Every structure is written in structure tokens, then in C-alpha cells.
Amino acid sequence: MESIKFREIIIQVIRNKSKEDAVAEIQKLFDENVVAVFSREDKDWENGLMKQGVLGKPVIKKGMKMLDNKEPRSPKVTVDCIIFVGGMVVLIKRKYPPLDWALPGGFVEYGETCEEAVRREMWEETGLELEDLKQFHVYSEHHRDARWHCISIVFVATGKGEPKSGDDACDLSLIDVDDVDTARLAFDHGKIIEDYRLTQKKS
């Protein structure tokens, strides 16, 4: 069974069960105690499972290992970008889980370079063309995305045009990079912003 199907099973269980029943049913799926996953304080515990910090490693990581071991797997390659427009950084509201604010980004398609992919994704999600595009850092921790192992090549650029949300983004915001609430960003995008801030302080 593919990991995406596994994730859908978990979501369906949660939405149709009480918190206690969901825990019990998930325990049956994994044959291990996952109560600790739900013990953390989270106002929205349904969506909480979709967040990296709450979608516990003992659940998703074990589940993917159990269900996806029929053939070798490779990490997925993505691109994200810290785009500045008028000195403000662009954040997008994700249309699909995890339903959080994030840096715009997406998957590299077969036959694309990473530079081509980031320009395409930024145009699709923000309506912006990119100037002064530079590679910032590579993030490859296997747990940075709870859905699967994703390697992200992160870029920094200046946006050209009128920013507007599109494709996988349902909203868009411009905010001073020092004012970004990194704890509320999806995946490890909070760490990416924090790392960028550090480089600016050193320069």
C-alpha cells in the first residue's frame, strides 16, 4: 500500500471516530502504543496528526515502513523559495494538508533542473517571476515532511510582478522576515526562516 493511501486511512479513522476510539483503532493498525502521539497539547488534534511534530514518528514512520516495503524507495525532490517583494517575504496558505502557512514550493518534475522547477512552482503558486535567484541550502532530514521523505533545495530570490495565490496555495501574505511566526509554519519551514535570519545577522 502506498504511503498516501496509508495517510488517508489515518485521516478517515480520525474523522469518523472519537479521540479514544481513533487511538484504539490506530493501535490495531500498528500493534503498538500510540497514545503518546495524542498526549501533546494541540487545539486541533485532527489536523495535528498532519503536522510534523504531532504526527508522531512512531506512527507514520513505522506505518510507512510496514506498508511500503515491497520495492526500494527514493526520497522525493522538492524546491522551496524565500521570495522577497518590496523587502517582505512571501508566505502561502496551503490548500492541502498540512493546512498551514508555508514558503511556496513544490516537486521537481522529471526532466527539470531545480532552477527550472523553482521558477515554475513560484509562478504557479505566487504569480511571480524570480530575479537574483540563488541557492540557499539543502534540507534532507527524513522526518521534515510527515507524508514522505522529501529533500528540499531552498532558494532565495526577488519576486517580480503582482503576488497572487494560485495552484496549491489558497492565500498569500507578505510579511517582514523578522516578524514571521516560525512555530506556525508547515514542515521545517520555520527552521529555514530561522537559518536565513542567522545568515543575515552574520553578513
C-alpha atoms as a PDB file:
ATOM      1  CA  MET A   1       0.000   0.000   0.000  1.00  0.00           C
ATOM      2  CA  GLU A   2       1.367   3.427  -0.891  1.00  0.00           C
ATOM      3  CA  SER A   3       2.101   5.909   1.890  1.00  0.00           C
ATOM      4  CA  ILE A   4      -0.549   8.332   0.578  1.00  0.00           C
ATOM      5  CA  LYS A   5      -3.201   5.618   0.971  1.00  0.00           C
ATOM      6  CA  PHE A   6      -1.892   4.908   4.432  1.00  0.00           C
ATOM      7  CA  ARG A   7      -2.265   8.584   5.346  1.00  0.00           C
ATOM      8  CA  GLU A   8      -5.824   8.624   4.007  1.00  0.00           C
ATOM      9  CA  ILE A   9      -6.666   5.636   6.209  1.00  0.00           C
ATOM     10  CA  ILE A  10      -5.450   7.501   9.286  1.00  0.00           C
ATOM     11  CA  ILE A  11      -7.432  10.627   8.402  1.00  0.00           C
ATOM     12  CA  GLN A  12     -10.591   8.591   7.786  1.00  0.00           C
ATOM     13  CA  VAL A  13     -10.209   6.801  11.114  1.00  0.00           C
ATOM     14  CA  ILE A  14      -9.776  10.087  12.974  1.00  0.00           C
ATOM     15  CA  ARG A  15     -12.665  11.886  11.333  1.00  0.00           C
ATOM     16  CA  ASN A  16     -15.123   9.072  11.963  1.00  0.00           C
ATOM     17  CA  LYS A  17     -14.108   8.172  15.493  1.00  0.00           C
ATOM     18  CA  SER A  18     -13.891   9.807  18.865  1.00  0.00           C
ATOM     19  CA  LYS A  19     -10.398  10.594  20.060  1.00  0.00           C
ATOM     20  CA  GLU A  20     -10.262   7.472  22.232  1.00  0.00           C
ATOM     21  CA  ASP A  21     -11.699   5.194  19.533  1.00  0.00           C
ATOM     22  CA  ALA A  22      -9.292   6.580  16.970  1.00  0.00           C
ATOM     23  CA  VAL A  23      -6.353   5.802  19.232  1.00  0.00           C
ATOM     24  CA  ALA A  24      -7.657   2.277  19.737  1.00  0.00           C
ATOM     25  CA  GLU A  25      -8.112   1.673  16.027  1.00  0.00           C
ATOM     26  CA  ILE A  26      -4.723   3.093  15.151  1.00  0.00           C
ATOM     27  CA  GLN A  27      -3.209   0.855  17.792  1.00  0.00           C
ATOM     28  CA  LYS A  28      -4.698  -2.124  15.970  1.00  0.00           C
ATOM     29  CA  LEU A  29      -3.114  -0.938  12.735  1.00  0.00           C
ATOM     30  CA  PHE A  30       0.355  -0.613  14.181  1.00  0.00           C
ATOM     31  CA  ASP A  31       0.296  -3.050  17.065  1.00  0.00           C
ATOM     32  CA  GLU A  32       1.997  -0.535  19.300  1.00  0.00           C
ATOM     33  CA  ASN A  33       1.003   2.054  21.858  1.00  0.00           C
ATOM     34  CA  VAL A  34       0.491   5.405  20.146  1.00  0.00           C
ATOM     35  CA  VAL A  35      -1.346   7.176  22.943  1.00  0.00           C
ATOM     36  CA  ALA A  36       1.702   9.423  23.358  1.00  0.00           C
ATOM     37  CA  VAL A  37       1.042  10.853  19.925  1.00  0.00           C
ATOM     38  CA  PHE A  38      -2.207  12.338  21.208  1.00  0.00           C
ATOM     39  CA  SER A  39      -0.933  13.328  24.626  1.00  0.00           C
ATOM     40  CA  ARG A  40       0.634  16.561  23.419  1.00  0.00           C
ATOM     41  CA  GLU A  41      -1.499  19.660  23.744  1.00  0.00           C
ATOM     42  CA  ASP A  42      -2.882  20.577  20.348  1.00  0.00           C
ATOM     43  CA  LYS A  43      -6.031  22.632  19.859  1.00  0.00           C
ATOM     44  CA  ASP A  44      -6.831  20.938  16.570  1.00  0.00           C
ATOM     45  CA  TRP A  45      -5.779  17.361  17.154  1.00  0.00           C
ATOM     46  CA  GLU A  46      -7.285  16.117  13.884  1.00  0.00           C
ATOM     47  CA  ASN A  47      -5.084  18.379  11.794  1.00  0.00           C
ATOM     48  CA  GLY A  48      -2.437  17.907  14.452  1.00  0.00           C
ATOM     49  CA  LEU A  49      -1.667  14.492  13.026  1.00  0.00           C
ATOM     50  CA  MET A  50      -0.784  16.154   9.752  1.00  0.00           C
ATOM     51  CA  LYS A  51       1.845  18.320  11.427  1.00  0.00           C
ATOM     52  CA  GLN A  52       5.400  17.138  11.577  1.00  0.00           C
ATOM     53  CA  GLY A  53       5.685  17.499  15.349  1.00  0.00           C
ATOM     54  CA  VAL A  54       2.428  15.776  16.278  1.00  0.00           C
ATOM     55  CA  LEU A  55       2.061  13.231  13.519  1.00  0.00           C
ATOM     56  CA  GLY A  56       4.296  11.053  15.624  1.00  0.00           C
ATOM     57  CA  LYS A  57       7.309   9.339  14.213  1.00  0.00           C
ATOM     58  CA  PRO A  58       6.204   6.076  15.898  1.00  0.00           C
ATOM     59  CA  VAL A  59       3.011   6.225  13.832  1.00  0.00           C
ATOM     60  CA  ILE A  60       3.774   7.403  10.337  1.00  0.00           C
ATOM     61  CA  LYS A  61       7.358   6.282  10.140  1.00  0.00           C
ATOM     62  CA  LYS A  62       6.532   2.779  11.337  1.00  0.00           C
ATOM     63  CA  GLY A  63       3.397   2.636   9.212  1.00  0.00           C
ATOM     64  CA  MET A  64       5.227   3.609   6.046  1.00  0.00           C
ATOM     65  CA  LYS A  65       7.897   1.052   6.833  1.00  0.00           C
ATOM     66  CA  MET A  66       5.284  -1.645   7.334  1.00  0.00           C
ATOM     67  CA  LEU A  67       3.212  -0.872   4.262  1.00  0.00           C
ATOM     68  CA  ASP A  68       5.724   0.363   1.715  1.00  0.00           C
ATOM     69  CA  ASN A  69       8.454  -2.244   1.853  1.00  0.00           C
ATOM     70  CA  LYS A  70       7.643  -4.105  -1.377  1.00  0.00           C
ATOM     71  CA  GLU A  71      10.096  -2.179  -3.523  1.00  0.00           C
ATOM     72  CA  PRO A  72      13.024   0.213  -2.978  1.00  0.00           C
ATOM     73  CA  ARG A  73      12.054   3.838  -2.443  1.00  0.00           C
ATOM     74  CA  SER A  74      13.939   7.025  -3.070  1.00  0.00           C
ATOM     75  CA  PRO A  75      13.372  10.436  -1.467  1.00  0.00           C
ATOM     76  CA  LYS A  76      11.245  12.914  -3.368  1.00  0.00           C
ATOM     77  CA  VAL A  77      12.972  16.106  -4.515  1.00  0.00           C
ATOM     78  CA  THR A  78      11.303  19.456  -3.893  1.00  0.00           C
ATOM     79  CA  VAL A  79      12.164  23.126  -4.225  1.00  0.00           C
ATOM     80  CA  ASP A  80      11.154  25.941  -1.881  1.00  0.00           C
ATOM     81  CA  CYS A  81      11.929  29.623  -2.155  1.00  0.00           C
ATOM     82  CA  ILE A  82      12.318  32.580   0.177  1.00  0.00           C
ATOM     83  CA  ILE A  83      10.938  35.289  -2.116  1.00  0.00           C
ATOM     84  CA  PHE A  84      11.190  38.964  -1.255  1.00  0.00           C
ATOM     85  CA  VAL A  85       8.761  41.526  -2.633  1.00  0.00           C
ATOM     86  CA  GLY A  86       9.371  45.108  -1.511  1.00  0.00           C
ATOM     87  CA  GLY A  87      11.547  43.805   1.318  1.00  0.00           C
ATOM     88  CA  MET A  88       8.797  41.472   2.583  1.00  0.00           C
ATOM     89  CA  VAL A  89       8.901  37.669   2.429  1.00  0.00           C
ATOM     90  CA  VAL A  90       6.139  35.747   0.633  1.00  0.00           C
ATOM     91  CA  LEU A  91       4.199  33.084   2.558  1.00  0.00           C
ATOM     92  CA  ILE A  92       1.390  30.969   1.127  1.00  0.00           C
ATOM     93  CA  LYS A  93      -1.543  29.271   2.864  1.00  0.00           C
ATOM     94  CA  ARG A  94      -1.575  25.631   1.788  1.00  0.00           C
ATOM     95  CA  LYS A  95      -4.722  24.328   0.109  1.00  0.00           C
ATOM     96  CA  TYR A  96      -3.959  20.718   1.047  1.00  0.00           C
ATOM     97  CA  PRO A  97      -2.762  19.107   4.322  1.00  0.00           C
ATOM     98  CA  PRO A  98      -0.878  20.203   6.209  1.00  0.00           C
ATOM     99  CA  LEU A  99      -3.162  23.251   6.093  1.00  0.00           C
ATOM    100  CA  ASP A 100      -0.618  25.725   7.416  1.00  0.00           C
ATOM    101  CA  TRP A 101       1.282  28.745   6.172  1.00  0.00           C
ATOM    102  CA  ALA A 102       4.491  27.868   4.381  1.00  0.00           C
ATOM    103  CA  LEU A 103       7.123  29.005   1.950  1.00  0.00           C
ATOM    104  CA  PRO A 104       5.958  28.476  -1.635  1.00  0.00           C
ATOM    105  CA  GLY A 105       7.357  25.351  -3.234  1.00  0.00           C
ATOM    106  CA  GLY A 106       6.684  22.024  -4.862  1.00  0.00           C
ATOM    107  CA  PHE A 107       8.071  18.915  -6.505  1.00  0.00           C
ATOM    108  CA  VAL A 108      10.723  18.817  -9.194  1.00  0.00           C
ATOM    109  CA  GLU A 109       9.270  17.209 -12.298  1.00  0.00           C
ATOM    110  CA  TYR A 110      11.134  14.638 -14.358  1.00  0.00           C
ATOM    111  CA  GLY A 111      13.407  16.367 -16.867  1.00  0.00           C
ATOM    112  CA  GLU A 112      13.523  19.679 -14.970  1.00  0.00           C
ATOM    113  CA  THR A 113      16.515  21.288 -13.363  1.00  0.00           C
ATOM    114  CA  CYS A 114      15.945  22.545  -9.825  1.00  0.00           C
ATOM    115  CA  GLU A 115      16.211  26.112 -11.109  1.00  0.00           C
ATOM    116  CA  GLU A 116      13.537  25.454 -13.722  1.00  0.00           C
ATOM    117  CA  ALA A 117      11.336  23.780 -11.126  1.00  0.00           C
ATOM    118  CA  VAL A 118      11.537  26.629  -8.627  1.00  0.00           C
ATOM    119  CA  ARG A 119      10.721  29.218 -11.289  1.00  0.00           C
ATOM    120  CA  ARG A 120       7.721  27.170 -12.434  1.00  0.00           C
ATOM    121  CA  GLU A 121       6.434  26.497  -8.906  1.00  0.00           C
ATOM    122  CA  MET A 122       6.789  30.118  -7.832  1.00  0.00           C
ATOM    123  CA  TRP A 123       4.892  31.290 -10.906  1.00  0.00           C
ATOM    124  CA  GLU A 124       2.110  28.752 -10.292  1.00  0.00           C
ATOM    125  CA  GLU A 125       1.731  29.483  -6.556  1.00  0.00           C
ATOM    126  CA  THR A 126       2.542  33.199  -6.334  1.00  0.00           C
ATOM    127  CA  GLY A 127       2.291  34.646  -9.859  1.00  0.00           C
ATOM    128  CA  LEU A 128       5.837  35.953  -9.502  1.00  0.00           C
ATOM    129  CA  GLU A 129       8.849  35.732 -11.761  1.00  0.00           C
ATOM    130  CA  LEU A 130      12.180  35.385  -9.987  1.00  0.00           C
ATOM    131  CA  GLU A 131      15.205  37.648 -10.156  1.00  0.00           C
ATOM    132  CA  ASP A 132      18.609  37.249  -8.455  1.00  0.00           C
ATOM    133  CA  LEU A 133      17.872  33.557  -7.861  1.00  0.00           C
ATOM    134  CA  LYS A 134      20.422  31.933  -5.577  1.00  0.00           C
ATOM    135  CA  GLN A 135      20.552  28.559  -3.881  1.00  0.00           C
ATOM    136  CA  PHE A 136      20.393  28.927  -0.096  1.00  0.00           C
ATOM    137  CA  HIS A 137      20.592  25.469   1.480  1.00  0.00           C
ATOM    138  CA  VAL A 138      19.535  21.827   1.154  1.00  0.00           C
ATOM    139  CA  TYR A 139      17.279  20.264   3.814  1.00  0.00           C
ATOM    140  CA  SER A 140      17.142  16.478   3.856  1.00  0.00           C
ATOM    141  CA  GLU A 141      16.072  15.222   7.300  1.00  0.00           C
ATOM    142  CA  HIS A 142      13.835  12.211   6.670  1.00  0.00           C
ATOM    143  CA  HIS A 143      11.182  13.427   9.143  1.00  0.00           C
ATOM    144  CA  ARG A 144      10.938  17.020   7.867  1.00  0.00           C
ATOM    145  CA  ASP A 145       7.760  16.080   5.968  1.00  0.00           C
ATOM    146  CA  ALA A 146       5.431  13.645   7.740  1.00  0.00           C
ATOM    147  CA  ARG A 147       3.996  12.375   4.453  1.00  0.00           C
ATOM    148  CA  TRP A 148       7.216  11.031   2.950  1.00  0.00           C
ATOM    149  CA  HIS A 149      10.966  11.579   2.812  1.00  0.00           C
ATOM    150  CA  CYS A 150      11.498  14.846   0.915  1.00  0.00           C
ATOM    151  CA  ILE A 151      14.751  16.567   0.090  1.00  0.00           C
ATOM    152  CA  SER A 152      14.242  20.294  -0.414  1.00  0.00           C
ATOM    153  CA  ILE A 153      16.595  22.587  -2.306  1.00  0.00           C
ATOM    154  CA  VAL A 154      15.824  26.038  -0.935  1.00  0.00           C
ATOM    155  CA  PHE A 155      16.438  29.185  -2.954  1.00  0.00           C
ATOM    156  CA  VAL A 156      16.356  32.907  -2.224  1.00  0.00           C
ATOM    157  CA  ALA A 157      15.116  35.362  -4.841  1.00  0.00           C
ATOM    158  CA  THR A 158      13.439  38.680  -5.505  1.00  0.00           C
ATOM    159  CA  GLY A 159       9.904  38.441  -6.854  1.00  0.00           C
ATOM    160  CA  LYS A 160       8.881  40.392  -9.927  1.00  0.00           C
ATOM    161  CA  GLY A 161       5.205  41.054 -10.614  1.00  0.00           C
ATOM    162  CA  GLU A 162       1.965  41.215  -8.618  1.00  0.00           C
ATOM    163  CA  PRO A 163       1.846  38.483  -5.953  1.00  0.00           C
ATOM    164  CA  LYS A 164      -1.322  36.372  -6.035  1.00  0.00           C
ATOM    165  CA  SER A 165      -2.097  32.899  -4.737  1.00  0.00           C
ATOM    166  CA  GLY A 166      -2.677  30.050  -7.154  1.00  0.00           C
ATOM    167  CA  ASP A 167      -2.384  26.299  -7.726  1.00  0.00           C
ATOM    168  CA  ASP A 168      -1.777  24.617  -4.316  1.00  0.00           C
ATOM    169  CA  ALA A 169      -1.958  27.969  -2.472  1.00  0.00           C
ATOM    170  CA  CYS A 170      -5.332  29.284  -1.326  1.00  0.00           C
ATOM    171  CA  ASP A 171      -3.985  32.524   0.169  1.00  0.00           C
ATOM    172  CA  LEU A 172      -0.836  34.618   0.165  1.00  0.00           C
ATOM    173  CA  SER A 173       0.728  37.050   2.599  1.00  0.00           C
ATOM    174  CA  LEU A 174       3.692  39.417   2.653  1.00  0.00           C
ATOM    175  CA  ILE A 175       5.437  39.775   5.992  1.00  0.00           C
ATOM    176  CA  ASP A 176       8.708  41.093   7.360  1.00  0.00           C
ATOM    177  CA  VAL A 177      11.072  38.131   7.659  1.00  0.00           C
ATOM    178  CA  ASP A 178      11.822  39.065  11.285  1.00  0.00           C
ATOM    179  CA  ASP A 179       8.114  39.002  12.139  1.00  0.00           C
ATOM    180  CA  VAL A 180       7.393  35.518  10.783  1.00  0.00           C
ATOM    181  CA  ASP A 181       5.976  33.221  13.486  1.00  0.00           C
ATOM    182  CA  THR A 182       8.210  30.279  12.645  1.00  0.00           C
ATOM    183  CA  ALA A 183       6.379  27.940  15.044  1.00  0.00           C
ATOM    184  CA  ARG A 184       3.255  28.141  12.885  1.00  0.00           C
ATOM    185  CA  LEU A 185       4.840  27.213   9.559  1.00  0.00           C
ATOM    186  CA  ALA A 186       4.409  23.819   7.898  1.00  0.00           C
ATOM    187  CA  PHE A 187       7.163  21.212   7.629  1.00  0.00           C
ATOM    188  CA  ASP A 188      10.563  22.603   8.661  1.00  0.00           C
ATOM    189  CA  HIS A 189       9.950  25.974   7.045  1.00  0.00           C
ATOM    190  CA  GLY A 190      10.276  27.664  10.430  1.00  0.00           C
ATOM    191  CA  LYS A 191      13.829  26.349  10.683  1.00  0.00           C
ATOM    192  CA  ILE A 192      14.536  27.514   7.136  1.00  0.00           C
ATOM    193  CA  ILE A 193      13.451  31.061   8.034  1.00  0.00           C
ATOM    194  CA  GLU A 194      15.467  30.955  11.256  1.00  0.00           C
ATOM    195  CA  ASP A 195      18.556  29.762   9.361  1.00  0.00           C
ATOM    196  CA  TYR A 196      18.100  32.584   6.873  1.00  0.00           C
ATOM    197  CA  ARG A 197      17.833  35.136   9.693  1.00  0.00           C
ATOM    198  CA  LEU A 198      21.116  33.852  11.134  1.00  0.00           C
ATOM    199  CA  THR A 199      22.921  34.259   7.828  1.00  0.00           C
ATOM    200  CA  GLN A 200      21.685  37.860   7.607  1.00  0.00           C
ATOM    201  CA  LYS A 201      22.964  38.642  11.104  1.00  0.00           C
ATOM    202  CA  LYS A 202      26.389  37.255  10.231  1.00  0.00           C
ATOM    203  CA  SER A 203      26.645  39.153   6.953  1.00  0.00           C
END
